Protein backbone atom coordinates (compact mmCIF):
# COMPACT_ATOMS: atom_id res chain seq x y z
CA MET A 1 -34.99 22.00 6.38
CA ALA A 2 -36.20 21.13 9.88
CA LEU A 3 -37.25 17.68 8.65
CA ALA A 4 -33.79 17.06 7.19
CA VAL A 5 -32.16 18.13 10.47
CA SER A 6 -34.53 15.87 12.40
CA ARG A 7 -33.73 12.90 10.17
CA SER A 8 -30.01 13.58 10.51
CA ALA A 9 -30.31 13.75 14.32
CA LEU A 10 -32.34 10.53 14.43
CA SER A 11 -29.84 8.78 12.16
CA ARG A 12 -26.92 9.92 14.29
CA GLY A 13 -28.73 8.91 17.48
CA TRP A 14 -29.49 5.47 16.10
CA ASN A 15 -25.85 5.01 14.97
CA ASP A 16 -24.62 6.12 18.39
CA PHE A 17 -26.88 3.63 20.13
CA LEU A 18 -25.97 0.83 17.71
CA TYR A 19 -22.24 1.48 18.20
CA VAL A 20 -22.45 1.56 22.00
CA ALA A 21 -24.95 -1.28 22.34
CA THR A 22 -23.03 -3.67 20.08
CA GLY A 23 -19.96 -2.93 22.18
CA LEU A 24 -21.61 -4.92 24.99
CA PRO A 25 -21.70 -8.36 23.31
CA LEU A 26 -18.55 -7.72 21.26
CA GLY A 27 -16.59 -6.56 24.30
CA THR A 28 -17.75 -9.57 26.31
CA ALA A 29 -16.84 -12.00 23.53
CA TRP A 30 -13.40 -10.50 22.84
CA LEU A 31 -12.57 -10.30 26.55
CA VAL A 32 -13.36 -13.97 27.09
CA VAL A 33 -11.72 -15.20 23.89
CA LEU A 34 -8.50 -13.18 24.16
CA PHE A 35 -7.92 -13.75 27.87
CA THR A 36 -8.57 -17.48 27.44
CA LEU A 37 -6.28 -17.86 24.44
CA LEU A 38 -3.53 -15.72 25.93
CA ALA A 39 -3.66 -17.58 29.24
CA VAL A 40 -3.57 -20.97 27.53
CA GLY A 41 -0.89 -19.90 25.07
CA VAL A 42 1.44 -18.40 27.66
CA SER A 43 1.01 -21.26 30.11
CA THR A 44 1.72 -23.92 27.45
CA ALA A 45 4.43 -22.05 25.54
CA ILE A 46 7.09 -23.95 27.48
CA VAL A 47 5.91 -27.20 25.88
CA THR A 48 5.79 -25.63 22.37
CA ILE A 49 2.07 -26.11 21.78
CA GLY A 50 1.42 -22.66 23.17
CA ILE A 51 3.44 -20.98 20.42
CA PRO A 52 0.96 -21.72 17.60
CA ILE A 53 -1.89 -20.79 19.95
CA LEU A 54 -0.27 -17.40 20.57
CA ALA A 55 0.37 -16.97 16.84
CA ILE A 56 -3.30 -17.63 16.06
CA THR A 57 -4.30 -15.25 18.85
CA LEU A 58 -2.12 -12.51 17.35
CA LEU A 59 -3.72 -12.92 13.93
CA LEU A 60 -7.15 -12.98 15.58
CA TRP A 61 -6.74 -9.71 17.47
CA ARG A 62 -5.28 -8.00 14.40
CA TRP A 63 -8.32 -9.12 12.43
CA GLY A 64 -10.60 -7.96 15.24
CA ALA A 65 -8.92 -4.55 15.27
CA GLY A 66 -9.59 -4.30 11.54
CA THR A 67 -13.30 -4.95 12.08
CA GLU A 68 -13.36 -2.36 14.87
CA ARG A 69 -11.86 0.23 12.53
CA ARG A 70 -14.74 -0.38 10.15
CA ARG A 71 -17.37 -0.45 12.95
CA ALA A 72 -16.16 2.95 14.13
CA ALA A 73 -17.71 4.43 10.98
CA LEU A 74 -21.04 4.31 12.84
CA VAL A 75 -19.94 7.11 15.16
CA LEU A 76 -17.08 8.74 13.22
CA GLY A 77 -18.78 8.85 9.82
CA ALA A 78 -15.96 6.94 8.11
CA PRO A 79 -13.81 3.92 8.97
CA ILE A 80 -10.51 4.52 10.73
CA ALA A 81 -7.67 4.28 8.23
CA ALA A 82 -5.43 1.33 9.02
CA PRO A 83 -1.86 2.35 9.90
CA ALA A 84 0.92 1.25 7.57
CA ARG A 85 2.36 -2.04 8.69
CA ARG A 86 6.06 -2.69 9.18
CA ALA A 87 7.74 -3.98 6.02
CA ARG A 88 7.74 -7.76 5.92
CA GLY A 89 10.63 -10.00 5.06
CA ARG A 90 10.52 -12.77 2.51
CA SER A 91 10.82 -15.73 4.89
CA LEU A 92 8.13 -16.93 7.29
CA LEU A 93 10.31 -16.10 10.29
CA ASP A 94 10.99 -12.57 9.01
CA ARG A 95 7.27 -11.96 8.56
CA TRP A 96 6.47 -13.03 12.12
CA VAL A 97 9.35 -11.00 13.54
CA ALA A 98 8.01 -7.97 11.65
CA ARG A 99 4.56 -8.50 13.17
CA LEU A 100 6.00 -8.73 16.67
CA LYS A 101 8.12 -5.61 16.20
CA ASP A 102 5.21 -3.66 14.76
CA ARG A 103 3.97 -1.13 17.32
CA THR A 104 0.53 -1.26 15.70
CA THR A 105 0.18 -4.94 16.64
CA TRP A 106 0.40 -4.14 20.36
CA ARG A 107 -1.80 -1.06 20.09
CA ASP A 108 -4.40 -3.32 18.48
CA LEU A 109 -4.14 -5.76 21.39
CA GLY A 110 -4.49 -2.93 23.91
CA TYR A 111 -7.69 -1.74 22.27
CA MET A 112 -9.19 -5.23 21.96
CA LEU A 113 -8.56 -5.88 25.67
CA LEU A 114 -10.01 -2.49 26.66
CA LEU A 115 -13.03 -3.10 24.45
CA GLY A 116 -14.19 -5.67 26.99
CA PRO A 117 -14.67 -3.54 30.13
CA VAL A 118 -15.36 -0.31 28.24
CA GLY A 119 -17.85 -1.94 25.86
CA ILE A 120 -19.60 -3.80 28.66
CA LEU A 121 -19.91 -0.68 30.85
CA ALA A 122 -20.97 1.70 28.07
CA GLY A 123 -23.34 -0.81 26.49
CA THR A 124 -24.99 -1.65 29.80
CA ILE A 125 -25.57 2.03 30.61
CA ALA A 126 -27.02 2.82 27.18
CA VAL A 127 -29.25 -0.25 27.00
CA THR A 128 -30.50 0.30 30.58
CA LEU A 129 -31.41 3.97 29.98
CA TRP A 130 -33.20 3.29 26.70
CA SER A 131 -34.98 0.28 28.21
CA ALA A 132 -36.21 2.49 31.05
CA ALA A 133 -37.41 5.12 28.59
CA PHE A 134 -39.37 2.61 26.50
CA ALA A 135 -40.74 0.90 29.60
CA ALA A 136 -42.06 4.21 30.90
CA LEU A 137 -43.53 5.07 27.50
CA LEU A 138 -45.33 1.73 27.16
CA ALA A 139 -46.48 1.52 30.81
CA PRO A 140 -50.04 2.86 30.16
CA ALA A 141 -50.57 0.35 27.34
CA PHE A 142 -49.58 -2.65 29.46
CA ALA A 143 -51.22 -1.50 32.73
CA PRO A 144 -54.69 -3.08 32.01
CA ALA A 145 -53.07 -6.51 31.49
CA ALA A 146 -50.80 -6.24 34.53
CA PRO A 147 -51.27 -8.90 37.28
CA ALA A 148 -53.18 -7.86 40.37
CA GLY A 149 -50.95 -6.37 43.04
CA SER A 150 -48.13 -5.54 40.59
CA LEU A 151 -46.54 -2.11 40.39
CA LEU A 152 -48.42 -1.22 37.20
CA ASP A 153 -51.72 -2.37 38.71
CA ASP A 154 -51.23 -0.21 41.79
CA LEU A 155 -50.52 2.93 39.77
CA GLY A 156 -53.48 5.07 39.00
CA ALA A 157 -54.33 6.60 35.63
CA ALA A 158 -52.78 9.94 36.61
CA ALA A 159 -49.61 8.27 37.78
CA LEU A 160 -49.38 6.25 34.57
CA ALA A 161 -49.80 9.41 32.54
CA GLY A 162 -47.01 11.00 34.55
CA VAL A 163 -44.78 8.00 33.93
CA ALA A 164 -45.48 8.18 30.18
CA ALA A 165 -44.68 11.89 30.16
CA GLY A 166 -41.52 11.23 32.15
CA SER A 167 -40.38 8.79 29.46
CA VAL A 168 -39.63 11.78 27.23
CA LEU A 169 -37.24 13.16 29.83
CA VAL A 170 -35.64 9.73 30.30
CA ALA A 171 -35.29 9.38 26.52
CA ALA A 172 -33.63 12.80 26.29
CA VAL A 173 -31.18 11.84 29.06
CA ALA A 174 -30.57 8.49 27.37
CA GLY A 175 -29.85 10.25 24.06
CA LEU A 176 -27.36 12.66 25.63
CA VAL A 177 -25.64 9.92 27.61
CA THR A 178 -25.48 7.66 24.56
CA ARG A 179 -23.97 10.47 22.51
CA GLY A 180 -21.32 11.03 25.16
CA LEU A 181 -20.57 7.32 25.45
CA ALA A 182 -20.33 6.95 21.66
CA ALA A 183 -17.99 9.93 21.40
CA GLY A 184 -15.82 8.55 24.20
CA CYS A 185 -15.65 5.05 22.71
CA GLY A 186 -14.92 6.54 19.29
CA ALA A 187 -12.12 8.66 20.73
CA LEU A 188 -10.65 5.56 22.38
CA ALA A 189 -10.76 3.73 19.05
CA VAL A 190 -9.05 6.59 17.25
CA SER A 191 -6.35 6.90 19.90
CA LEU A 192 -5.35 3.23 19.65
CA LEU A 193 -6.41 2.06 16.18
CA ALA A 194 -5.40 5.05 14.06
CA SER A 195 -1.86 5.99 13.13
CA ASP A 196 0.02 8.06 15.67
CA GLU A 197 2.97 10.32 14.99
CA ARG A 198 5.49 7.92 16.47
CA THR A 199 4.22 5.02 14.37
CA GLU A 200 4.17 7.12 11.22
CA LEU A 201 7.69 8.40 11.91
CA THR A 202 8.96 4.87 12.57
CA GLU A 203 7.38 3.56 9.38
CA ARG A 204 8.75 6.49 7.42
CA ILE A 205 12.26 5.86 8.71
CA THR A 206 11.95 2.15 7.92
CA SER A 207 10.69 2.95 4.44
CA LEU A 208 13.50 5.42 3.81
CA GLU A 209 16.09 2.92 5.00
CA ALA A 210 14.70 0.28 2.66
CA THR A 211 14.45 2.61 -0.34
CA ARG A 212 17.91 4.06 0.30
CA SER A 213 19.39 0.58 0.42
CA GLY A 214 17.51 -0.33 -2.73
CA ALA A 215 18.68 2.81 -4.52
CA VAL A 216 22.30 2.10 -3.58
CA GLU A 217 21.99 -1.49 -4.78
CA SER A 218 20.34 -0.37 -8.02
CA ALA A 219 23.03 2.24 -8.69
CA ASP A 220 25.78 -0.26 -7.89
CA ALA A 221 24.26 -2.82 -10.26
CA ARG A 222 24.00 -0.21 -13.02
CA LEU A 223 27.65 0.80 -12.55
CA ARG A 224 28.71 -2.83 -12.77
CA ARG A 225 26.69 -3.26 -15.94
CA ILE A 226 28.24 -0.15 -17.49
CA GLU A 227 31.69 -1.44 -16.57
CA ARG A 228 30.86 -4.83 -18.08
CA ASP A 229 29.48 -3.28 -21.28
CA LEU A 230 32.56 -1.11 -21.67
CA HIS A 231 34.89 -4.03 -21.05
CA ASP A 232 33.09 -6.50 -23.30
CA GLY A 233 32.15 -4.06 -26.06
CA ALA A 234 33.77 -0.73 -26.80
CA GLN A 235 37.05 -1.52 -25.04
CA HIS A 236 37.57 -4.65 -27.14
CA ARG A 237 36.73 -2.80 -30.32
CA LEU A 238 39.12 0.04 -29.49
CA ALA A 239 41.86 -2.50 -28.71
CA TYR A 240 41.18 -4.18 -32.05
CA ILE A 241 41.39 -0.81 -33.83
CA GLY A 242 44.74 -0.15 -32.16
CA MET A 243 46.04 -3.52 -33.30
CA GLU A 244 44.87 -2.94 -36.87
CA LEU A 245 46.46 0.50 -36.97
CA GLY A 246 49.71 -1.00 -35.65
CA ARG A 247 49.67 -3.65 -38.37
CA ALA A 248 48.96 -1.01 -40.99
CA ARG A 249 51.85 1.06 -39.77
CA THR A 250 54.30 -1.84 -40.11
CA LYS A 251 53.11 -2.57 -43.67
CA LEU A 252 52.92 1.04 -44.80
CA SER A 253 56.16 0.88 -46.82
CA SER A 254 56.09 -2.76 -47.93
CA ASP A 255 52.43 -3.52 -48.76
CA PRO A 256 50.27 -0.41 -49.41
CA GLU A 257 47.29 -2.48 -50.59
CA ALA A 258 47.18 -4.43 -47.34
CA VAL A 259 47.40 -1.14 -45.44
CA ASP A 260 44.29 0.12 -47.20
CA ALA A 261 42.35 -3.01 -46.21
CA LEU A 262 43.53 -2.77 -42.61
CA LEU A 263 42.56 0.90 -42.41
CA ALA A 264 39.14 0.17 -43.90
CA ASP A 265 38.58 -2.59 -41.34
CA ALA A 266 39.71 -0.29 -38.52
CA HIS A 267 37.38 2.43 -39.83
CA GLU A 268 34.37 0.10 -39.79
CA GLU A 269 35.29 -1.12 -36.33
CA SER A 270 35.56 2.48 -35.10
CA LYS A 271 32.01 3.17 -36.32
CA ARG A 272 30.73 0.11 -34.46
CA ALA A 273 32.57 1.26 -31.33
CA MET A 274 31.00 4.71 -31.68
CA ARG A 275 27.53 3.18 -31.96
CA GLU A 276 28.11 1.11 -28.84
CA LEU A 277 29.42 4.12 -26.93
CA ARG A 278 26.44 6.17 -28.12
CA ASP A 279 24.01 3.47 -26.94
CA LEU A 280 25.87 3.24 -23.64
CA VAL A 281 25.69 7.00 -23.10
CA ARG A 282 22.01 6.94 -24.01
CA GLY A 283 21.54 4.24 -21.39
CA ILE A 284 23.19 6.42 -18.75
CA HIS A 285 21.09 9.47 -19.51
CA PRO A 286 19.62 10.11 -22.99
CA SER A 287 20.12 13.63 -24.25
CA VAL A 288 16.60 13.74 -25.71
CA LEU A 289 15.20 13.32 -22.20
CA SER A 290 17.04 16.43 -21.01
CA ASP A 291 16.34 18.44 -24.15
CA ARG A 292 12.75 17.56 -25.05
CA GLY A 293 11.22 15.78 -22.09
CA LEU A 294 9.63 12.43 -21.31
CA ASP A 295 7.15 12.22 -24.19
CA ALA A 296 9.85 12.60 -26.84
CA ALA A 297 12.16 10.16 -25.07
CA LEU A 298 9.43 7.51 -24.86
CA SER A 299 8.60 7.98 -28.53
CA GLY A 300 12.26 7.29 -29.31
CA LEU A 301 12.12 4.11 -27.22
CA ALA A 302 9.02 2.95 -29.10
CA GLU A 303 10.75 3.48 -32.45
CA ARG A 304 13.81 1.47 -31.43
CA ALA A 305 11.89 -1.36 -29.71
CA SER A 306 12.09 -4.85 -31.19
CA VAL A 307 8.28 -5.23 -31.08
CA PRO A 308 5.57 -2.76 -32.17
CA VAL A 309 4.89 -0.34 -29.32
CA GLU A 310 1.95 2.04 -28.99
CA ILE A 311 2.32 5.10 -26.76
CA ARG A 312 -0.93 6.32 -25.22
CA GLY A 313 -1.45 9.54 -23.34
CA GLY A 314 1.31 11.86 -22.24
CA VAL A 315 2.22 14.59 -19.78
CA ASP A 316 1.93 18.34 -20.15
CA GLY A 317 5.09 20.24 -19.39
CA ARG A 318 8.22 18.97 -17.71
CA LEU A 319 8.47 16.77 -14.67
CA PRO A 320 11.19 16.78 -12.01
CA PRO A 321 14.40 15.40 -13.60
CA ALA A 322 14.62 12.44 -11.21
CA VAL A 323 11.04 11.41 -12.04
CA GLU A 324 11.61 11.74 -15.80
CA THR A 325 14.78 9.64 -15.57
CA ALA A 326 13.12 6.92 -13.48
CA ALA A 327 10.08 6.82 -15.78
CA TYR A 328 12.31 6.55 -18.84
CA TYR A 329 14.24 3.62 -17.42
CA VAL A 330 11.10 1.82 -16.28
CA VAL A 331 9.77 1.90 -19.84
CA ALA A 332 13.17 1.21 -21.44
CA GLU A 333 13.97 -1.81 -19.25
CA THR A 334 10.44 -3.19 -19.54
CA LEU A 335 10.40 -2.95 -23.34
CA THR A 336 13.82 -4.59 -23.46
CA ASN A 337 12.49 -7.48 -21.36
CA VAL A 338 9.42 -7.72 -23.59
CA GLY A 339 11.60 -8.03 -26.68
CA ARG A 340 13.99 -10.56 -25.14
CA HIS A 341 11.85 -12.78 -22.94
CA ALA A 342 8.10 -12.31 -23.40
CA SER A 343 7.63 -13.58 -27.00
CA ALA A 344 5.12 -10.76 -27.38
CA ARG A 345 3.61 -9.50 -30.63
CA GLY A 346 3.22 -5.96 -29.34
CA ALA A 347 3.12 -3.68 -26.33
CA GLN A 348 1.33 -0.55 -25.15
CA VAL A 349 2.69 2.17 -22.89
CA GLU A 350 0.17 4.43 -21.16
CA VAL A 351 1.38 7.65 -19.58
CA ARG A 352 -0.86 9.88 -17.50
CA ARG A 353 -0.95 12.13 -14.46
CA GLU A 354 -3.36 11.57 -11.61
CA GLY A 355 -3.13 14.74 -9.58
CA GLU A 356 0.44 14.89 -8.30
CA THR A 357 1.24 11.31 -9.34
CA LEU A 358 2.76 10.09 -12.59
CA VAL A 359 1.33 6.74 -13.68
CA LEU A 360 3.07 4.47 -16.20
CA ALA A 361 1.31 1.31 -17.36
CA ILE A 362 3.21 -1.02 -19.70
CA HIS A 363 1.18 -3.89 -21.15
CA ASP A 364 2.28 -6.72 -23.45
CA ASP A 365 0.59 -9.82 -24.88
CA GLY A 366 3.48 -12.20 -24.14
CA HIS A 367 3.50 -15.46 -22.25
CA GLY A 368 3.71 -13.83 -18.81
CA GLY A 369 5.48 -15.24 -15.79
CA ALA A 370 7.41 -12.07 -14.96
CA ARG A 371 8.36 -11.92 -11.29
CA ARG A 372 10.01 -9.42 -9.00
CA VAL A 373 12.79 -11.45 -7.38
CA PRO A 374 16.08 -10.34 -5.79
CA GLY A 375 18.69 -9.52 -8.39
CA SER A 376 16.22 -9.34 -11.28
CA GLY A 377 15.71 -6.40 -13.60
CA LEU A 378 12.22 -5.84 -12.20
CA GLU A 379 13.65 -5.66 -8.69
CA GLY A 380 16.10 -3.00 -9.85
CA LEU A 381 13.28 -0.99 -11.44
CA ALA A 382 11.19 -1.30 -8.30
CA GLN A 383 14.08 -0.06 -6.17
CA ARG A 384 14.56 2.92 -8.48
CA VAL A 385 10.86 3.79 -8.26
CA GLU A 386 10.64 3.25 -4.49
CA ALA A 387 13.63 5.53 -3.98
CA LEU A 388 11.29 8.32 -5.18
CA ASP A 389 8.50 7.22 -2.79
CA GLY A 390 6.74 5.47 -5.66
CA THR A 391 5.41 1.96 -6.16
CA LEU A 392 5.79 -0.64 -8.89
CA ALA A 393 3.20 -3.41 -9.31
CA VAL A 394 3.64 -6.46 -11.54
CA GLU A 395 0.68 -8.51 -12.78
CA SER A 396 1.95 -11.35 -14.96
CA PRO A 397 0.11 -14.68 -14.70
CA GLU A 398 1.50 -17.69 -16.51
CA GLY A 399 0.30 -17.54 -20.09
CA GLY A 400 0.08 -13.74 -19.99
CA PRO A 401 -0.63 -10.99 -20.48
CA THR A 402 1.75 -8.86 -18.42
CA THR A 403 0.98 -5.43 -16.99
CA ILE A 404 3.51 -3.37 -15.06
CA VAL A 405 2.25 -0.22 -13.35
CA ALA A 406 4.60 2.36 -11.82
CA ARG A 407 3.34 5.27 -9.74
CA MET A 408 5.65 8.12 -8.75
CA PRO A 409 4.91 11.43 -7.04
CA CYS A 410 5.76 14.21 -9.46
CA ALA A 411 5.04 17.40 -7.54
CA SER A 412 7.62 20.04 -8.41
């Protein structure tokens, strides 16, 4: 037990020293590089050439902050989790504006600039103390070879023994000071490189604004599609039925045989209209989803799909209604796209829970090339999933296969 504690203390002491000591050259290098690039970039920005220099400098300090988050594992036991970045736009200008507006970008710069003086000071203190401790410890061994008249040559054997014994005290002081310096440098890294409440709140608000906008757009697109389906399908059929019934009514007394044919045609058309209305209602919210849950609803989708579909896995019990509805439409829309556009021979749908997260993975062996672009069906699905704080990932290289993975929190 004591040996394990000793090894743990030695390992921690070595990590503390390594973290503080490496801060000396790293701090010096970053201080020189960043101040030089910033000075050159700002001074030449008026003649345009400074703008790309500043852009490269920004990317450089963000990368450096990422390495510092990982280096902090030496003293903290684990790397510092990178804060969520501000959502990026699609254009190059939007992406750079997002970087400049991101509070984390400037916190990173603040840390990288402070790393210079703090790292140099802390590293110098730690290296000096440990150098003194080792010098005192090794003094008796090097005394016989010391030049005549030197400090080691003038010290007697008793004095050298005292110096060697004093090295233990110096080493203990060096260890305590190094531990304090490492803890202080680690605290500085956490304060500037980790997420803070303001950043998290800002990112959360930004995320909610984006998902709310996406949900509104998705709902609006679905309403327009329902309106279009009603206008182009059931409404036309009902109008046709009305016309046929009107013609039958005018011929009721003069041509009974024609009336029978007209009524039969109207009857068939009414059945087609009912099927379309039933499919439309199922598309709005299938009754089987409310009555029997997600597993039964997905089985129904697999049976009606235009390609063979295998359902793997499942969920125990019921999920929140919003999650069940979103999951159903992710699978329904994806299988529809597979049948219409992918030229696939088959598809698999995997359903599972990972803790408090529902995971849907839809895979097909089609020709691939599916993309999430504005106005596309995949964009609408992604917006529906993101409105529930979920994510939707699309992996669809040219030539296939295609895998779409949706993750949604499903805690009740």
